[in-house]
């Protein structure tokens, strides 16, 4: 799985980081960072929840 974020749509509200804190992080500069673009399989369920939690639909998950 590969994580893609449309940063033009993202409003860095942190909902994804709450669901998958080892993959997403909102830093003090109020921007979202992807910590693991290709997360291991054991993180896929929480990454999927994170993508589904995004109100802007800015996160897409691609099969590798």
PDB file of N, CA and C in Angstrom:
ATOM      1  N   UNK A   1       0.850  -1.173   0.000  1.00  0.00           N
ATOM      2  CA  UNK A   1       0.000   0.000   0.000  1.00  0.00           C
ATOM      3  C   UNK A   1       0.897   1.239   0.000  1.00  0.00           C
ATOM      4  N   UNK A   2       0.476   2.206  -0.782  1.00  0.00           N
ATOM      5  CA  UNK A   2       1.176   3.493  -0.817  1.00  0.00           C
ATOM      6  C   UNK A   2       0.167   4.582  -0.421  1.00  0.00           C
ATOM      7  N   UNK A   3       0.604   5.466   0.459  1.00  0.00           N
ATOM      8  CA  UNK A   3      -0.236   6.561   0.945  1.00  0.00           C
ATOM      9  C   UNK A   3       0.056   7.803   0.115  1.00  0.00           C
ATOM     10  N   UNK A   4      -1.008   8.396  -0.390  1.00  0.00           N
ATOM     11  CA  UNK A   4      -0.899   9.658  -1.119  1.00  0.00           C
ATOM     12  C   UNK A   4      -1.803  10.684  -0.454  1.00  0.00           C
ATOM     13  N   UNK A   5      -1.308  11.902  -0.331  1.00  0.00           N
ATOM     14  CA  UNK A   5      -2.106  12.987   0.248  1.00  0.00           C
ATOM     15  C   UNK A   5      -2.142  14.134  -0.744  1.00  0.00           C
ATOM     16  N   UNK A   6      -3.346  14.606  -1.027  1.00  0.00           N
ATOM     17  CA  UNK A   6      -3.521  15.814  -1.841  1.00  0.00           C
ATOM     18  C   UNK A   6      -3.417  16.998  -0.880  1.00  0.00           C
ATOM     19  N   UNK A   7      -2.228  17.555  -0.797  1.00  0.00           N
ATOM     20  CA  UNK A   7      -1.984  18.620   0.178  1.00  0.00           C
ATOM     21  C   UNK A   7      -2.731  19.909  -0.171  1.00  0.00           C
ATOM     22  N   UNK A   8      -3.189  20.046  -1.413  1.00  0.00           N
ATOM     23  CA  UNK A   8      -4.012  21.205  -1.772  1.00  0.00           C
ATOM     24  C   UNK A   8      -5.404  21.106  -1.131  1.00  0.00           C
ATOM     25  N   UNK A   9      -5.870  19.879  -0.916  1.00  0.00           N
ATOM     26  CA  UNK A   9      -7.185  19.670  -0.301  1.00  0.00           C
ATOM     27  C   UNK A   9      -7.105  19.525   1.211  1.00  0.00           C
ATOM     28  N   UNK A  10      -5.983  19.029   1.693  1.00  0.00           N
ATOM     29  CA  UNK A  10      -5.810  18.741   3.116  1.00  0.00           C
ATOM     30  C   UNK A  10      -5.876  20.021   3.947  1.00  0.00           C
ATOM     31  N   UNK A  11      -6.649  19.973   5.047  1.00  0.00           N
ATOM     32  CA  UNK A  11      -6.676  21.132   5.943  1.00  0.00           C
ATOM     33  C   UNK A  11      -5.984  20.828   7.275  1.00  0.00           C
ATOM     34  N   UNK A  12      -5.225  19.736   7.315  1.00  0.00           N
ATOM     35  CA  UNK A  12      -4.384  19.385   8.471  1.00  0.00           C
ATOM     36  C   UNK A  12      -5.151  19.396   9.789  1.00  0.00           C
ATOM     37  N   UNK A  13      -6.353  18.828   9.777  1.00  0.00           N
ATOM     38  CA  UNK A  13      -7.163  18.805  10.995  1.00  0.00           C
ATOM     39  C   UNK A  13      -6.728  17.720  11.977  1.00  0.00           C
ATOM     40  N   UNK A  14      -5.897  16.780  11.534  1.00  0.00           N
ATOM     41  CA  UNK A  14      -5.340  15.783  12.427  1.00  0.00           C
ATOM     42  C   UNK A  14      -6.180  14.544  12.662  1.00  0.00           C
ATOM     43  N   UNK A  15      -7.304  14.419  12.003  1.00  0.00           N
ATOM     44  CA  UNK A  15      -8.127  13.224  12.195  1.00  0.00           C
ATOM     45  C   UNK A  15      -7.385  11.967  11.746  1.00  0.00           C
ATOM     46  N   UNK A  16      -6.636  12.082  10.669  1.00  0.00           N
ATOM     47  CA  UNK A  16      -5.867  10.932  10.196  1.00  0.00           C
ATOM     48  C   UNK A  16      -4.762  10.578  11.186  1.00  0.00           C
ATOM     49  N   UNK A  17      -4.119  11.575  11.742  1.00  0.00           N
ATOM     50  CA  UNK A  17      -3.055  11.342  12.723  1.00  0.00           C
ATOM     51  C   UNK A  17      -3.609  10.685  13.989  1.00  0.00           C
ATOM     52  N   UNK A  18      -4.836  10.988  14.340  1.00  0.00           N
ATOM     53  CA  UNK A  18      -5.456  10.344  15.500  1.00  0.00           C
ATOM     54  C   UNK A  18      -5.685   8.863  15.240  1.00  0.00           C
ATOM     55  N   UNK A  19      -6.005   8.511  14.001  1.00  0.00           N
ATOM     56  CA  UNK A  19      -6.253   7.113  13.638  1.00  0.00           C
ATOM     57  C   UNK A  19      -4.969   6.333  13.402  1.00  0.00           C
ATOM     58  N   UNK A  20      -3.955   6.979  12.825  1.00  0.00           N
ATOM     59  CA  UNK A  20      -2.707   6.297  12.467  1.00  0.00           C
ATOM     60  C   UNK A  20      -1.507   7.189  12.807  1.00  0.00           C
ATOM     61  N   UNK A  21      -1.200   7.328  14.094  1.00  0.00           N
ATOM     62  CA  UNK A  21      -0.144   8.263  14.507  1.00  0.00           C
ATOM     63  C   UNK A  21       1.269   7.868  14.078  1.00  0.00           C
ATOM     64  N   UNK A  22       1.484   6.619  13.705  1.00  0.00           N
ATOM     65  CA  UNK A  22       2.812   6.235  13.228  1.00  0.00           C
ATOM     66  C   UNK A  22       2.980   6.492  11.733  1.00  0.00           C
ATOM     67  N   UNK A  23       1.893   6.903  11.083  1.00  0.00           N
ATOM     68  CA  UNK A  23       1.937   7.162   9.637  1.00  0.00           C
ATOM     69  C   UNK A  23       1.742   8.644   9.334  1.00  0.00           C
ATOM     70  N   UNK A  24       0.885   9.310  10.103  1.00  0.00           N
ATOM     71  CA  UNK A  24       0.580  10.722   9.872  1.00  0.00           C
ATOM     72  C   UNK A  24       0.915  11.540  11.117  1.00  0.00           C
ATOM     73  N   UNK A  25       1.322  12.777  10.884  1.00  0.00           N
ATOM     74  CA  UNK A  25       1.641  13.665  11.995  1.00  0.00           C
ATOM     75  C   UNK A  25       1.367  15.108  11.590  1.00  0.00           C
ATOM     76  N   UNK A  26       0.685  15.835  12.461  1.00  0.00           N
ATOM     77  CA  UNK A  26       0.524  17.276  12.280  1.00  0.00           C
ATOM     78  C   UNK A  26       1.504  17.929  13.249  1.00  0.00           C
ATOM     79  N   UNK A  27       2.419  18.690  12.705  1.00  0.00           N
ATOM     80  CA  UNK A  27       3.481  19.288  13.514  1.00  0.00           C
ATOM     81  C   UNK A  27       3.106  20.694  13.969  1.00  0.00           C
ATOM     82  N   UNK A  28       3.992  21.304  14.731  1.00  0.00           N
ATOM     83  CA  UNK A  28       3.758  22.636  15.281  1.00  0.00           C
ATOM     84  C   UNK A  28       3.515  23.695  14.213  1.00  0.00           C
ATOM     85  N   UNK A  29       3.953  23.421  12.978  1.00  0.00           N
ATOM     86  CA  UNK A  29       3.714  24.375  11.894  1.00  0.00           C
ATOM     87  C   UNK A  29       2.327  24.216  11.281  1.00  0.00           C
ATOM     88  N   UNK A  30       1.507  23.322  11.869  1.00  0.00           N
ATOM     89  CA  UNK A  30       0.134  23.052  11.434  1.00  0.00           C
ATOM     90  C   UNK A  30       0.036  22.450  10.041  1.00  0.00           C
ATOM     91  N   UNK A  31       1.064  21.710   9.626  1.00  0.00           N
ATOM     92  CA  UNK A  31       1.033  20.994   8.358  1.00  0.00           C
ATOM     93  C   UNK A  31       1.070  19.500   8.634  1.00  0.00           C
ATOM     94  N   UNK A  32       0.401  18.750   7.769  1.00  0.00           N
ATOM     95  CA  UNK A  32       0.396  17.298   7.860  1.00  0.00           C
ATOM     96  C   UNK A  32       1.653  16.743   7.210  1.00  0.00           C
ATOM     97  N   UNK A  33       2.226  15.742   7.862  1.00  0.00           N
ATOM     98  CA  UNK A  33       3.387  15.037   7.326  1.00  0.00           C
ATOM     99  C   UNK A  33       3.075  13.551   7.260  1.00  0.00           C
ATOM    100  N   UNK A  34       3.489  12.920   6.184  1.00  0.00           N
ATOM    101  CA  UNK A  34       3.357  11.477   6.039  1.00  0.00           C
ATOM    102  C   UNK A  34       4.678  10.878   6.495  1.00  0.00           C
ATOM    103  N   UNK A  35       4.636  10.129   7.573  1.00  0.00           N
ATOM    104  CA  UNK A  35       5.842   9.556   8.153  1.00  0.00           C
ATOM    105  C   UNK A  35       6.252   8.258   7.473  1.00  0.00           C
ATOM    106  N   UNK A  36       5.266   7.543   6.946  1.00  0.00           N
ATOM    107  CA  UNK A  36       5.523   6.282   6.254  1.00  0.00           C
ATOM    108  C   UNK A  36       4.673   6.249   4.988  1.00  0.00           C
ATOM    109  N   UNK A  37       5.294   6.516   3.864  1.00  0.00           N
ATOM    110  CA  UNK A  37       4.552   6.506   2.601  1.00  0.00           C
ATOM    111  C   UNK A  37       4.141   5.091   2.201  1.00  0.00           C
ATOM    112  N   UNK A  38       4.918   4.108   2.600  1.00  0.00           N
ATOM    113  CA  UNK A  38       4.628   2.695   2.328  1.00  0.00           C
ATOM    114  C   UNK A  38       4.577   1.931   3.655  1.00  0.00           C
ATOM    115  N   UNK A  39       3.480   2.085   4.397  1.00  0.00           N
ATOM    116  CA  UNK A  39       3.415   1.451   5.721  1.00  0.00           C
ATOM    117  C   UNK A  39       3.387  -0.068   5.613  1.00  0.00           C
ATOM    118  N   UNK A  40       3.900  -0.752   6.633  1.00  0.00           N
ATOM    119  CA  UNK A  40       3.853  -2.217   6.636  1.00  0.00           C
ATOM    120  C   UNK A  40       2.410  -2.712   6.742  1.00  0.00           C
ATOM    121  N   UNK A  41       2.226  -3.923   6.327  1.00  0.00           N
ATOM    122  CA  UNK A  41       0.881  -4.500   6.247  1.00  0.00           C
ATOM    123  C   UNK A  41       0.132  -4.461   7.579  1.00  0.00           C
ATOM    124  N   UNK A  42       0.831  -4.590   8.686  1.00  0.00           N
ATOM    125  CA  UNK A  42       0.128  -4.591   9.978  1.00  0.00           C
ATOM    126  C   UNK A  42      -0.510  -3.240  10.300  1.00  0.00           C
ATOM    127  N   UNK A  43      -0.091  -2.175   9.609  1.00  0.00           N
ATOM    128  CA  UNK A  43      -0.683  -0.851   9.819  1.00  0.00           C
ATOM    129  C   UNK A  43      -1.820  -0.537   8.845  1.00  0.00           C
ATOM    130  N   UNK A  44      -2.034  -1.389   7.874  1.00  0.00           N
ATOM    131  CA  UNK A  44      -3.057  -1.106   6.866  1.00  0.00           C
ATOM    132  C   UNK A  44      -4.445  -0.843   7.438  1.00  0.00           C
ATOM    133  N   UNK A  45      -4.914  -1.587   8.438  1.00  0.00           N
ATOM    134  CA  UNK A  45      -6.252  -1.287   8.970  1.00  0.00           C
ATOM    135  C   UNK A  45      -6.366   0.127   9.535  1.00  0.00           C
ATOM    136  N   UNK A  46      -5.362   0.580  10.292  1.00  0.00           N
ATOM    137  CA  UNK A  46      -5.454   1.934  10.852  1.00  0.00           C
ATOM    138  C   UNK A  46      -5.241   2.997   9.777  1.00  0.00           C
ATOM    139  N   UNK A  47      -4.432   2.718   8.774  1.00  0.00           N
ATOM    140  CA  UNK A  47      -4.259   3.668   7.664  1.00  0.00           C
ATOM    141  C   UNK A  47      -5.561   3.792   6.879  1.00  0.00           C
ATOM    142  N   UNK A  48      -6.244   2.687   6.694  1.00  0.00           N
ATOM    143  CA  UNK A  48      -7.547   2.719   6.011  1.00  0.00           C
ATOM    144  C   UNK A  48      -8.554   3.527   6.818  1.00  0.00           C
ATOM    145  N   UNK A  49      -8.578   3.352   8.135  1.00  0.00           N
ATOM    146  CA  UNK A  49      -9.461   4.166   8.989  1.00  0.00           C
ATOM    147  C   UNK A  49      -9.099   5.645   8.889  1.00  0.00           C
ATOM    148  N   UNK A  50      -7.808   5.926   8.836  1.00  0.00           N
ATOM    149  CA  UNK A  50      -7.354   7.316   8.725  1.00  0.00           C
ATOM    150  C   UNK A  50      -7.835   7.937   7.420  1.00  0.00           C
ATOM    151  N   UNK A  51      -7.706   7.212   6.331  1.00  0.00           N
ATOM    152  CA  UNK A  51      -8.163   7.727   5.037  1.00  0.00           C
ATOM    153  C   UNK A  51      -9.671   7.962   5.053  1.00  0.00           C
ATOM    154  N   UNK A  52     -10.397   7.050   5.662  1.00  0.00           N
ATOM    155  CA  UNK A  52     -11.859   7.187   5.743  1.00  0.00           C
ATOM    156  C   UNK A  52     -12.277   8.322   6.670  1.00  0.00           C
ATOM    157  N   UNK A  53     -11.432   8.681   7.616  1.00  0.00           N
ATOM    158  CA  UNK A  53     -11.755   9.760   8.557  1.00  0.00           C
ATOM    159  C   UNK A  53     -11.553  11.144   7.960  1.00  0.00           C
ATOM    160  N   UNK A  54     -10.846  11.232   6.851  1.00  0.00           N
ATOM    161  CA  UNK A  54     -10.544  12.535   6.263  1.00  0.00           C
ATOM    162  C   UNK A  54     -11.796  13.175   5.660  1.00  0.00           C
ATOM    163  N   UNK A  55     -12.236  14.317   6.202  1.00  0.00           N
ATOM    164  CA  UNK A  55     -13.449  14.965   5.679  1.00  0.00           C
ATOM    165  C   UNK A  55     -13.247  15.579   4.298  1.00  0.00           C
ATOM    166  N   UNK A  56     -12.013  15.798   3.899  1.00  0.00           N
ATOM    167  CA  UNK A  56     -11.716  16.385   2.590  1.00  0.00           C
ATOM    168  C   UNK A  56     -11.390  15.335   1.536  1.00  0.00           C
ATOM    169  N   UNK A  57     -11.391  14.061   1.926  1.00  0.00           N
ATOM    170  CA  UNK A  57     -11.032  12.959   1.023  1.00  0.00           C
ATOM    171  C   UNK A  57      -9.675  13.210   0.370  1.00  0.00           C
ATOM    172  N   UNK A  58      -8.742  13.751   1.152  1.00  0.00           N
ATOM    173  CA  UNK A  58      -7.427  14.124   0.628  1.00  0.00           C
ATOM    174  C   UNK A  58      -6.435  12.955   0.641  1.00  0.00           C
ATOM    175  N   UNK A  59      -6.804  11.855   1.295  1.00  0.00           N
ATOM    176  CA  UNK A  59      -5.912  10.715   1.393  1.00  0.00           C
ATOM    177  C   UNK A  59      -6.401   9.608   0.466  1.00  0.00           C
ATOM    178  N   UNK A  60      -5.504   9.134  -0.375  1.00  0.00           N
ATOM    179  CA  UNK A  60      -5.809   7.989  -1.215  1.00  0.00           C
ATOM    180  C   UNK A  60      -4.784   6.900  -0.927  1.00  0.00           C
ATOM    181  N   UNK A  61      -5.243   5.666  -1.025  1.00  0.00           N
ATOM    182  CA  UNK A  61      -4.387   4.510  -0.801  1.00  0.00           C
ATOM    183  C   UNK A  61      -4.282   3.752  -2.108  1.00  0.00           C
ATOM    184  N   UNK A  62      -3.062   3.514  -2.528  1.00  0.00           N
ATOM    185  CA  UNK A  62      -2.815   2.824  -3.798  1.00  0.00           C
ATOM    186  C   UNK A  62      -2.177   1.470  -3.517  1.00  0.00           C
ATOM    187  N   UNK A  63      -2.575   0.491  -4.288  1.00  0.00           N
ATOM    188  CA  UNK A  63      -1.912  -0.802  -4.195  1.00  0.00           C
ATOM    189  C   UNK A  63      -0.571  -0.707  -4.899  1.00  0.00           C
ATOM    190  N   UNK A  64       0.407  -1.360  -4.325  1.00  0.00           N
ATOM    191  CA  UNK A  64       1.739  -1.342  -4.937  1.00  0.00           C
ATOM    192  C   UNK A  64       1.959  -2.538  -5.798  1.00  0.00           C
TER     193      UNK A  64
END
